[in-house]
Amino acid sequence: MRLAPHDEPDFLTLATERLRPEPPHAEEALANPRGDHSLDDVPLAYPLTPKPAAVLVPVVMRDEPMLLLTERAAHLRQHSGQIAFPGGRVDPTDASVLDAACREAQEEIGLDSRFISPLGYLDPYLSTTNYLVMPVVARVSPSYTLAINHEEVADAFEVPLSFLMDPARHELHSREWKGRLRRYYAMPYQGRYIWGVTAGIIRNLYERLYGS
């Protein structure tokens, strides 16, 4: 489904109706998690003991809604240069996954919580690196300001939500991972290669809001 600029109220209505109002309990989250394994039906090794993580899925409410993404710094040891949502591991001092996502957004790109209005939660996403990622979908004021921490993030940029919610843009790519050919979603946009966990979460957002 394509979203025209005048469809902003439809996005907000669907987000209110179809997003989870609260994150699932740990038992529910681990019962049948979505994740990197889903496309190829890779069996999971139970019991699962992933590390908890949270990401902010920031929808900037312009005349045409935009999704705010980051490009990780090139010198990082893990996932260097990849396109990502603001987020990271949930710390013991975080009161909730929402607090963790907002804290990480502040630390990584200087996005202050006063610009963020949570809308709800997607299903948790299990990564191949053994993180159970809880996506927090939020509307972001177009008047937001950033102060990028270049130790972690090289750049922040916006992509039209209409582009990312168009299933024709959800390409299936593949590469070898630990001796096995694995498929994953990819959404190339203006020289940016959106793939992996980030693209998987975007695909989950599409399925949750527009897939039925």
Foldseek 3Di string as FASTA:
>chain_A
DFDDLQCLVLLLVLLQVFFAADADDPCVLQPDHAAQCPVVVDDDDPPADFFEKEFEFEWENDSFIWTKWFQWDQPDPPNHRAIGGQMDGDDPPQPDSVSRHQVSQCVAWNFHCVQWDWRHWFRWYAYPVRYTYIYTYTYGYPVTDTDGDNVTTDDMDIDGLSLLLPVVQFDWDWDDDPRDIGIWTWRDDPNHTHIHPRSVVSVRSNCRRPVD
